[in-house]
């Protein structure tokens, strides 16, 4: 009996110990009470995630279920390239290739001006085509022309493919001269050429502008010459290339009867202008002891020198910058490459190193046989179908045409004409492949 009583007592003690252990384990597993709520002004903090439960473990009977784990929020994409890309994606139409033109604000567009009168319609359209073909930024064309040419300009530009018309907008202006005798200005040198002198007055809402003659071709993106505006110092407000690289054989140094810039003068066929600075500047001159504003200076300047000038508005610009040399930035000849740079032998060192960037076919060389190299480039650009492959439809035929020009001094340096346009086409081709094929498919 004693043994049985002893065994029963031991069993009761063991059961009591086990019950106490279970109770203490349950108390340890129970969740602590929630902390008191924070005031509304206190910053919210995310609780640290609970440690993961080992596989195969089970909750004890009667235990409270755990709250679901809260994931920390994903970080938002940073502003910058991704933000711009998102805006671009929203602005694009379905199926449209990626391009930043859709979201580029107007203040970042390139402004390109041209003056076209008489029989310059085709030449001007080919120039505009060369600008659009390789450009990256959106371009605003400012076309100054006679009333008879306005409908044809508008019609031709609207017929270009959508993939190119979305890269530019155009506005057509009448020929107007704010001071002096309009008929006198209109007949100065070439028809309507003096209009460029009045661009700062007419385009009051435009900050900076690239003016080019109708006989210009861009062999690389317009964006690249536009970047030269950043090179201006605090006093410079316009940029042009020298009229000649060798002063002793240049026209101005031998024949000019009026003051001109530097030792060889400058050529105004390609001209960058900070219009804001031009409108606010006072220009030194030979007519008054004090400076004159741009518009106030033009007609008196013309009246003073009209019997001494040969090249019209270009001569007037040379006179202006003769008296104000600190206001002119001179860019290299590769940005305004003319027959004079090769017809007497190659004399544009920058073009020899980097290739022609902007071709200027003055002297009517696009339309005669005197400089077949210039004519070949013009016809290749004119005849190129917009949607065709640049290498197959322009570059390779151009190489074959150049073989027929080796009897001329300009034709003996084909690499000078082809170096930059080949580089530009290669970049355009690579960009096309990345956009339409996608970088993920390129290995």
Protein backbone atom coordinates (compact mmCIF):
# COMPACT_ATOMS: atom_id res chain seq x y z
CA UNK A 1 0.00 0.00 0.00
CA UNK A 2 2.81 2.35 0.87
CA UNK A 3 4.49 1.73 -2.47
CA UNK A 4 1.30 2.39 -4.41
CA UNK A 5 0.66 5.62 -2.46
CA UNK A 6 4.21 6.74 -3.13
CA UNK A 7 3.90 6.01 -6.87
CA UNK A 8 0.62 7.89 -7.08
CA UNK A 9 2.15 10.88 -5.35
CA UNK A 10 5.13 10.92 -7.79
CA UNK A 11 2.74 10.71 -10.73
CA UNK A 12 0.72 13.67 -9.48
CA UNK A 13 3.90 15.70 -8.98
CA UNK A 14 5.02 14.91 -12.56
CA UNK A 15 1.63 15.93 -14.00
CA UNK A 16 1.72 19.17 -12.04
CA UNK A 17 5.23 19.96 -13.30
CA UNK A 18 4.17 19.26 -16.90
CA UNK A 19 1.10 21.50 -16.51
CA UNK A 20 3.24 24.33 -15.17
CA UNK A 21 5.67 23.97 -18.08
CA UNK A 22 2.84 24.13 -20.63
CA UNK A 23 1.39 27.22 -18.99
CA UNK A 24 4.74 29.03 -18.96
CA UNK A 25 5.36 28.11 -22.63
CA UNK A 26 1.94 29.46 -23.62
CA UNK A 27 2.60 32.73 -21.76
CA UNK A 28 5.93 33.12 -23.65
CA UNK A 29 4.30 32.57 -27.04
CA UNK A 30 1.46 35.06 -26.49
CA UNK A 31 1.88 38.42 -28.36
CA UNK A 32 2.64 41.48 -26.24
CA UNK A 33 -0.09 44.09 -25.99
CA UNK A 34 -0.11 46.79 -28.72
CA UNK A 35 1.74 50.00 -27.76
CA UNK A 36 -0.33 53.14 -27.22
CA UNK A 37 -1.13 55.03 -30.46
CA UNK A 38 1.29 57.76 -31.60
CA UNK A 39 0.16 61.33 -31.91
CA UNK A 40 -0.84 62.36 -35.46
CA UNK A 41 2.24 64.57 -35.80
CA UNK A 42 4.71 61.80 -34.96
CA UNK A 43 6.42 60.13 -37.93
CA UNK A 44 5.22 56.62 -38.67
CA UNK A 45 7.74 53.83 -38.48
CA UNK A 46 7.39 50.44 -40.10
CA UNK A 47 7.80 47.54 -37.63
CA UNK A 48 10.72 45.23 -38.18
CA UNK A 49 9.68 42.03 -39.93
CA UNK A 50 9.19 38.98 -37.69
CA UNK A 51 11.66 36.13 -38.06
CA UNK A 52 10.49 33.40 -40.39
CA UNK A 53 9.04 30.29 -38.74
CA UNK A 54 10.99 27.09 -39.41
CA UNK A 55 9.27 24.69 -41.74
CA UNK A 56 7.30 21.92 -40.07
CA UNK A 57 6.62 23.85 -36.84
CA UNK A 58 3.05 24.14 -35.70
CA UNK A 59 1.31 26.63 -33.44
CA UNK A 60 0.38 25.35 -30.04
CA UNK A 61 -3.32 24.84 -29.37
CA UNK A 62 -4.97 28.01 -28.14
CA UNK A 63 -2.18 30.31 -29.36
CA UNK A 64 -3.27 33.60 -31.05
CA UNK A 65 -2.74 33.74 -34.82
CA UNK A 66 0.17 35.94 -35.95
CA UNK A 67 -0.44 39.17 -37.83
CA UNK A 68 0.52 38.94 -41.55
CA UNK A 69 4.03 40.14 -42.39
CA UNK A 70 4.16 43.65 -43.85
CA UNK A 71 6.51 44.23 -46.78
CA UNK A 72 8.50 47.42 -46.89
CA UNK A 73 7.31 49.69 -49.73
CA UNK A 74 9.28 49.64 -52.98
CA UNK A 75 11.44 52.73 -53.53
CA UNK A 76 10.06 55.15 -56.09
CA UNK A 77 12.10 55.72 -59.26
CA UNK A 78 14.38 58.71 -59.00
CA UNK A 79 13.70 61.78 -61.09
CA UNK A 80 15.98 62.17 -64.06
CA UNK A 81 16.37 59.81 -66.97
CA UNK A 82 13.68 57.38 -65.77
CA UNK A 83 11.25 60.21 -65.09
CA UNK A 84 11.83 61.67 -68.56
CA UNK A 85 11.45 58.24 -70.11
CA UNK A 86 8.12 57.79 -68.34
CA UNK A 87 6.88 61.14 -69.65
CA UNK A 88 8.05 60.20 -73.11
CA UNK A 89 6.21 56.88 -72.94
CA UNK A 90 2.98 58.64 -72.00
CA UNK A 91 3.41 61.14 -74.84
CA UNK A 92 4.12 58.51 -77.49
CA UNK A 93 1.44 57.04 -79.64
CA UNK A 94 1.11 53.23 -79.66
CA UNK A 95 3.70 51.71 -81.97
CA UNK A 96 5.65 54.96 -82.27
CA UNK A 97 9.46 54.67 -81.95
CA UNK A 98 11.04 56.09 -78.84
CA UNK A 99 11.94 59.74 -79.26
CA UNK A 100 12.33 62.68 -76.91
CA UNK A 101 10.75 65.12 -79.38
CA UNK A 102 7.28 64.52 -77.91
CA UNK A 103 8.21 65.92 -74.49
CA UNK A 104 10.97 68.41 -75.32
CA UNK A 105 9.73 71.84 -74.20
CA UNK A 106 9.67 74.54 -76.92
CA UNK A 107 12.37 76.60 -75.20
CA UNK A 108 14.82 73.76 -75.98
CA UNK A 109 14.01 73.55 -79.69
CA UNK A 110 16.50 74.61 -82.33
CA UNK A 111 15.44 77.69 -84.30
CA UNK A 112 16.54 77.72 -87.94
CA UNK A 113 15.85 80.66 -90.27
CA UNK A 114 16.15 80.96 -94.04
CA UNK A 115 15.21 83.60 -96.60
CA UNK A 116 14.04 82.32 -100.00
CA UNK A 117 12.97 84.43 -102.97
CA UNK A 118 12.89 83.92 -106.72
CA UNK A 119 13.83 80.42 -107.89
CA UNK A 120 15.14 79.20 -104.53
CA UNK A 121 12.24 76.89 -103.59
CA UNK A 122 13.91 73.55 -104.41
CA UNK A 123 17.26 74.59 -102.94
CA UNK A 124 15.60 75.64 -99.69
CA UNK A 125 13.61 72.42 -99.38
CA UNK A 126 16.77 70.34 -99.88
CA UNK A 127 18.50 72.38 -97.16
CA UNK A 128 15.58 71.83 -94.76
CA UNK A 129 15.58 68.13 -95.65
CA UNK A 130 19.26 67.83 -94.72
CA UNK A 131 18.53 69.54 -91.38
CA UNK A 132 15.67 67.18 -90.49
CA UNK A 133 17.36 64.03 -91.74
CA UNK A 134 20.02 63.89 -89.02
CA UNK A 135 18.66 66.13 -86.25
CA UNK A 136 18.05 64.92 -82.70
CA UNK A 137 16.21 67.90 -81.21
CA UNK A 138 13.00 69.27 -82.58
CA UNK A 139 13.49 72.21 -84.97
CA UNK A 140 11.39 75.33 -85.49
CA UNK A 141 11.77 76.52 -89.10
CA UNK A 142 11.34 80.26 -89.74
CA UNK A 143 10.89 80.65 -93.50
CA UNK A 144 10.87 84.16 -94.96
CA UNK A 145 9.61 84.19 -98.53
CA UNK A 146 7.50 85.93 -101.17
CA UNK A 147 3.74 85.53 -101.16
CA UNK A 148 3.85 83.48 -104.37
CA UNK A 149 6.03 80.78 -102.75
CA UNK A 150 4.15 80.38 -99.45
CA UNK A 151 1.55 77.81 -100.63
CA UNK A 152 4.19 75.63 -102.26
CA UNK A 153 6.44 75.62 -99.19
CA UNK A 154 3.51 74.65 -97.00
CA UNK A 155 2.36 71.93 -99.39
CA UNK A 156 5.80 70.36 -99.84
CA UNK A 157 6.66 70.28 -96.14
CA UNK A 158 3.33 68.67 -95.22
CA UNK A 159 3.94 65.88 -97.75
CA UNK A 160 7.02 64.61 -95.92
CA UNK A 161 6.60 61.31 -93.98
CA UNK A 162 5.15 61.50 -90.48
CA UNK A 163 8.37 60.18 -88.98
CA UNK A 164 10.04 63.39 -90.17
CA UNK A 165 7.26 65.97 -89.91
CA UNK A 166 7.04 65.29 -86.17
CA UNK A 167 10.67 66.43 -85.88
CA UNK A 168 9.90 70.02 -86.85
CA UNK A 169 7.34 72.78 -87.01
CA UNK A 170 7.40 75.56 -89.58
CA UNK A 171 6.19 79.09 -89.82
CA UNK A 172 6.19 81.19 -93.00
CA UNK A 173 6.72 84.96 -92.86
CA UNK A 174 6.40 87.73 -95.46
CA UNK A 175 9.42 89.77 -96.50
CA UNK A 176 9.40 92.94 -94.38
CA UNK A 177 11.90 95.69 -93.56
CA UNK A 178 11.15 97.80 -90.51
CA UNK A 179 13.36 100.78 -91.38
CA UNK A 180 14.37 102.51 -94.59
CA UNK A 181 13.13 101.90 -98.13
CA UNK A 182 11.83 98.31 -98.51
CA UNK A 183 12.49 98.20 -102.27
CA UNK A 184 16.04 99.37 -101.70
CA UNK A 185 16.64 96.68 -99.10
CA UNK A 186 15.04 94.01 -101.28
CA UNK A 187 17.42 94.65 -104.16
CA UNK A 188 20.54 94.70 -102.00
CA UNK A 189 22.87 91.98 -103.42
CA UNK A 190 20.51 88.96 -103.91
CA UNK A 191 16.70 89.13 -103.78
CA UNK A 192 15.57 89.46 -100.16
CA UNK A 193 19.00 88.60 -98.71
CA UNK A 194 18.99 91.74 -96.52
CA UNK A 195 16.03 90.26 -94.61
CA UNK A 196 18.48 88.49 -92.30
CA UNK A 197 19.56 91.85 -90.88
CA UNK A 198 16.04 92.34 -89.51
CA UNK A 199 15.61 88.94 -87.84
CA UNK A 200 16.37 90.26 -84.32
CA UNK A 201 13.59 92.83 -84.80
CA UNK A 202 10.99 90.43 -86.27
CA UNK A 203 11.56 87.34 -84.09
CA UNK A 204 11.08 89.12 -80.78
CA UNK A 205 10.13 85.94 -78.89
CA UNK A 206 13.14 83.91 -80.09
CA UNK A 207 16.24 83.87 -77.88
CA UNK A 208 18.79 82.28 -80.23
CA UNK A 209 18.77 81.51 -83.94
CA UNK A 210 20.76 79.76 -86.65
CA UNK A 211 20.50 81.54 -90.01
CA UNK A 212 21.66 79.81 -93.21
CA UNK A 213 21.55 80.63 -96.91
CA UNK A 214 19.37 78.47 -99.14
CA UNK A 215 22.46 76.82 -100.72
CA UNK A 216 23.59 75.16 -97.46
CA UNK A 217 23.56 71.44 -96.67
CA UNK A 218 23.96 69.89 -93.22
CA UNK A 219 26.21 66.80 -93.25
CA UNK A 220 25.83 66.20 -89.51
CA UNK A 221 23.12 66.97 -86.92
CA UNK A 222 22.11 70.63 -86.63
CA UNK A 223 22.38 70.02 -82.89
CA UNK A 224 26.18 70.09 -83.19
CA UNK A 225 26.49 73.61 -84.60
CA UNK A 226 23.75 74.76 -82.19
CA UNK A 227 26.02 73.70 -79.30
CA UNK A 228 28.52 76.38 -80.36
CA UNK A 229 26.23 78.93 -78.72
CA UNK A 230 27.59 77.61 -75.43
CA UNK A 231 31.07 78.73 -76.47
CA UNK A 232 30.09 82.41 -76.49
CA UNK A 233 31.71 84.52 -73.79
CA UNK A 234 29.80 87.26 -71.97
CA UNK A 235 30.19 89.84 -74.78
CA UNK A 236 29.74 87.68 -77.90
CA UNK A 237 26.34 87.71 -79.60
CA UNK A 238 26.93 86.25 -83.09
CA UNK A 239 29.17 83.68 -84.78
CA UNK A 240 30.43 83.26 -88.35
CA UNK A 241 33.28 81.59 -90.21
CA UNK A 242 36.16 83.44 -91.91
CA UNK A 243 35.60 84.44 -95.53
CA UNK A 244 38.96 82.92 -96.41
CA UNK A 245 41.67 80.93 -94.65
CA UNK A 246 44.54 82.64 -96.49
CA UNK A 247 44.14 86.42 -96.18
CA UNK A 248 46.51 87.35 -99.01
CA UNK A 249 44.29 85.60 -101.58
CA UNK A 250 40.97 86.49 -99.92
CA UNK A 251 38.50 88.90 -101.52
CA UNK A 252 38.21 91.39 -98.66
CA UNK A 253 41.95 91.77 -98.14
CA UNK A 254 42.45 92.51 -101.85
CA UNK A 255 39.37 94.38 -103.03
CA UNK A 256 37.22 95.72 -100.18
CA UNK A 257 36.67 99.50 -100.06
CA UNK A 258 35.14 99.44 -96.58
CA UNK A 259 36.17 98.20 -93.10
CA UNK A 260 35.87 94.44 -92.52
CA UNK A 261 36.36 92.04 -89.63
CA UNK A 262 39.84 90.65 -88.94
CA UNK A 263 42.37 90.01 -91.67
CA UNK A 264 40.09 88.25 -94.18
CA UNK A 265 36.50 89.21 -93.28
CA UNK A 266 33.68 86.80 -92.38
CA UNK A 267 31.10 84.95 -94.46
CA UNK A 268 27.47 85.35 -93.38
CA UNK A 269 26.02 82.28 -95.17
CA UNK A 270 25.98 80.38 -91.85
CA UNK A 271 25.38 82.62 -88.85
CA UNK A 272 24.55 81.87 -85.22
CA UNK A 273 22.85 84.68 -83.31
CA UNK A 274 21.92 85.31 -79.72
CA UNK A 275 18.96 87.57 -80.56
CA UNK A 276 18.36 88.55 -76.95
CA UNK A 277 21.85 90.00 -76.67
CA UNK A 278 21.63 91.69 -80.08
CA UNK A 279 18.38 93.44 -79.12
CA UNK A 280 19.83 94.78 -75.85
CA UNK A 281 23.32 95.78 -77.08
CA UNK A 282 24.64 99.19 -78.09
CA UNK A 283 26.98 99.02 -81.10
CA UNK A 284 29.98 101.23 -81.73
CA UNK A 285 30.00 102.77 -85.22
CA UNK A 286 31.56 105.45 -87.42
CA UNK A 287 28.44 107.62 -87.58
CA UNK A 288 27.82 108.70 -83.97
CA UNK A 289 30.09 109.14 -80.94
CA UNK A 290 27.76 106.93 -78.88
CA UNK A 291 26.51 103.42 -79.47
CA UNK A 292 23.37 102.64 -81.43
CA UNK A 293 20.79 99.89 -81.00
CA UNK A 294 20.74 97.27 -83.77
CA UNK A 295 17.57 98.49 -85.51
CA UNK A 296 18.56 102.16 -85.22
CA UNK A 297 21.96 101.45 -86.76
CA UNK A 298 20.96 99.51 -89.92
CA UNK A 299 19.68 102.19 -92.28
CA UNK A 300 22.25 104.90 -91.39
CA UNK A 301 24.98 102.29 -91.83
CA UNK A 302 23.65 101.36 -95.27
CA UNK A 303 23.37 105.01 -96.31
CA UNK A 304 26.96 105.64 -95.24
CA UNK A 305 28.53 102.69 -97.09
CA UNK A 306 26.12 101.86 -99.92
CA UNK A 307 28.50 103.07 -102.61
CA UNK A 308 31.40 101.05 -101.22
CA UNK A 309 29.82 97.63 -100.62
CA UNK A 310 29.74 94.74 -103.11
CA UNK A 311 28.26 91.78 -101.20
CA UNK A 312 25.31 93.63 -99.68
CA UNK A 313 24.26 92.58 -96.18
CA UNK A 314 27.43 90.50 -95.67
CA UNK A 315 29.51 93.64 -96.14
CA UNK A 316 27.34 95.51 -93.64
CA UNK A 317 27.88 92.72 -91.08
CA UNK A 318 31.64 92.93 -91.66
CA UNK A 319 31.51 96.67 -91.01
CA UNK A 320 29.49 96.18 -87.82
CA UNK A 321 31.93 93.66 -86.39
CA UNK A 322 34.95 95.66 -87.51
CA UNK A 323 33.84 98.29 -84.99
CA UNK A 324 32.65 95.65 -82.46
CA UNK A 325 35.11 92.73 -82.73
CA UNK A 326 34.56 91.67 -79.13
CA UNK A 327 30.96 90.76 -79.98
CA UNK A 328 31.80 88.10 -82.62
CA UNK A 329 32.69 84.44 -82.11
CA UNK A 330 34.53 82.97 -85.10
CA UNK A 331 33.94 79.24 -85.71
CA UNK A 332 36.12 77.03 -87.96
CA UNK A 333 35.69 76.70 -91.74
CA UNK A 334 34.31 73.14 -91.50
CA UNK A 335 31.00 74.76 -90.43
CA UNK A 336 30.80 76.85 -93.63
CA UNK A 337 32.75 74.94 -96.27
CA UNK A 338 32.69 76.59 -99.69
CA UNK A 339 34.35 76.00 -103.09
CA UNK A 340 37.05 78.51 -102.09
CA UNK A 341 38.30 75.95 -99.57
CA UNK A 342 39.32 73.46 -102.25
CA UNK A 343 39.10 74.91 -105.77
CA UNK A 344 42.59 76.45 -105.48
CA UNK A 345 43.89 73.60 -103.33
CA UNK A 346 42.74 72.38 -99.92
CA UNK A 347 43.08 75.14 -97.29
CA UNK A 348 40.56 74.25 -94.55
CA UNK A 349 42.61 72.30 -92.03
CA UNK A 350 39.67 71.61 -89.72
CA UNK A 351 37.76 69.91 -92.58
CA UNK A 352 40.83 67.85 -93.44
CA UNK A 353 40.93 66.58 -89.85
CA UNK A 354 37.22 66.17 -89.07
CA UNK A 355 35.41 66.36 -92.41
CA UNK A 356 32.95 68.93 -93.73
CA UNK A 357 30.14 69.61 -91.25
CA UNK A 358 28.12 72.23 -93.17
CA UNK A 359 28.47 72.55 -96.94
CA UNK A 360 27.86 75.94 -98.55
CA UNK A 361 27.45 75.71 -102.32
CA UNK A 362 27.72 79.39 -103.18
CA UNK A 363 28.62 80.56 -106.70
CA UNK A 364 25.72 78.43 -107.98
CA UNK A 365 27.84 75.26 -107.94
CA UNK A 366 24.87 72.96 -107.26
CA UNK A 367 23.46 73.78 -110.68
CA UNK A 368 26.47 73.85 -113.04
CA UNK A 369 29.48 71.66 -113.84
CA UNK A 370 32.20 73.87 -112.37
CA UNK A 371 32.40 71.97 -109.06
CA UNK A 372 30.94 68.47 -109.62
CA UNK A 373 31.78 67.38 -106.06
CA UNK A 374 29.39 69.96 -104.59
CA UNK A 375 26.76 69.14 -107.20
CA UNK A 376 27.02 65.40 -106.43
CA UNK A 377 26.33 66.01 -102.73
CA UNK A 378 23.39 68.28 -103.49
CA UNK A 379 21.78 65.80 -105.91
CA UNK A 380 22.32 62.88 -103.53
CA UNK A 381 20.51 64.77 -100.76
CA UNK A 382 17.77 65.98 -103.11
CA UNK A 383 17.06 62.54 -104.60
CA UNK A 384 17.26 60.50 -101.38
CA UNK A 385 13.86 58.90 -100.51
CA UNK A 386 13.17 59.64 -96.85
CA UNK A 387 12.43 56.07 -95.77
CA UNK A 388 15.30 54.34 -97.58
CA UNK A 389 18.54 53.03 -96.12
CA UNK A 390 21.04 55.90 -95.88
CA UNK A 391 24.04 53.84 -96.90
CA UNK A 392 22.43 52.03 -99.81
CA UNK A 393 20.50 54.97 -101.23
CA UNK A 394 22.82 57.88 -100.49
CA UNK A 395 26.33 57.04 -99.31
CA UNK A 396 27.34 54.29 -101.75
CA UNK A 397 25.95 56.09 -104.86
CA UNK A 398 27.73 59.22 -103.63
CA UNK A 399 31.05 57.37 -103.52
CA UNK A 400 30.56 56.27 -107.14
CA UNK A 401 29.73 59.83 -108.21
CA UNK A 402 32.86 61.11 -106.52
CA UNK A 403 34.96 58.85 -108.76
CA UNK A 404 33.81 61.02 -111.66
CA UNK A 405 35.09 64.21 -110.00
CA UNK A 406 38.77 63.35 -109.51
CA UNK A 407 39.76 65.63 -112.40
CA UNK A 408 39.00 68.64 -110.13
CA UNK A 409 40.98 69.80 -107.10
CA UNK A 410 37.92 69.43 -104.86
CA UNK A 411 37.28 65.93 -106.22
CA UNK A 412 40.76 64.78 -105.24
CA UNK A 413 39.94 64.99 -101.51
CA UNK A 414 36.75 62.88 -101.25
CA UNK A 415 37.52 61.96 -97.63
CA UNK A 416 37.06 65.62 -96.65
CA UNK A 417 33.49 65.57 -97.97
CA UNK A 418 32.58 62.04 -96.87
CA UNK A 419 34.18 61.67 -93.43
CA UNK A 420 31.56 63.51 -91.39
CA UNK A 421 28.49 62.35 -93.32
CA UNK A 422 29.63 58.73 -93.03
CA UNK A 423 30.01 59.12 -89.26
CA UNK A 424 26.58 60.76 -89.06
CA UNK A 425 24.93 57.99 -91.11
CA UNK A 426 26.55 55.31 -88.99
CA UNK A 427 25.18 56.87 -85.81
CA UNK A 428 21.73 57.23 -87.38
CA UNK A 429 21.80 53.57 -88.43
CA UNK A 430 22.86 52.38 -84.97
CA UNK A 431 20.16 54.48 -83.34
CA UNK A 432 17.56 53.05 -85.73
CA UNK A 433 18.62 49.49 -84.90
CA UNK A 434 18.52 50.10 -81.13
CA UNK A 435 15.08 51.74 -81.34
CA UNK A 436 13.40 49.27 -83.68
CA UNK A 437 15.22 46.04 -82.79
CA UNK A 438 15.90 46.84 -79.15
CA UNK A 439 19.10 46.58 -77.12
CA UNK A 440 17.95 43.27 -75.58
CA UNK A 441 18.15 41.62 -79.01
CA UNK A 442 21.62 42.93 -79.85
CA UNK A 443 24.41 40.57 -78.88
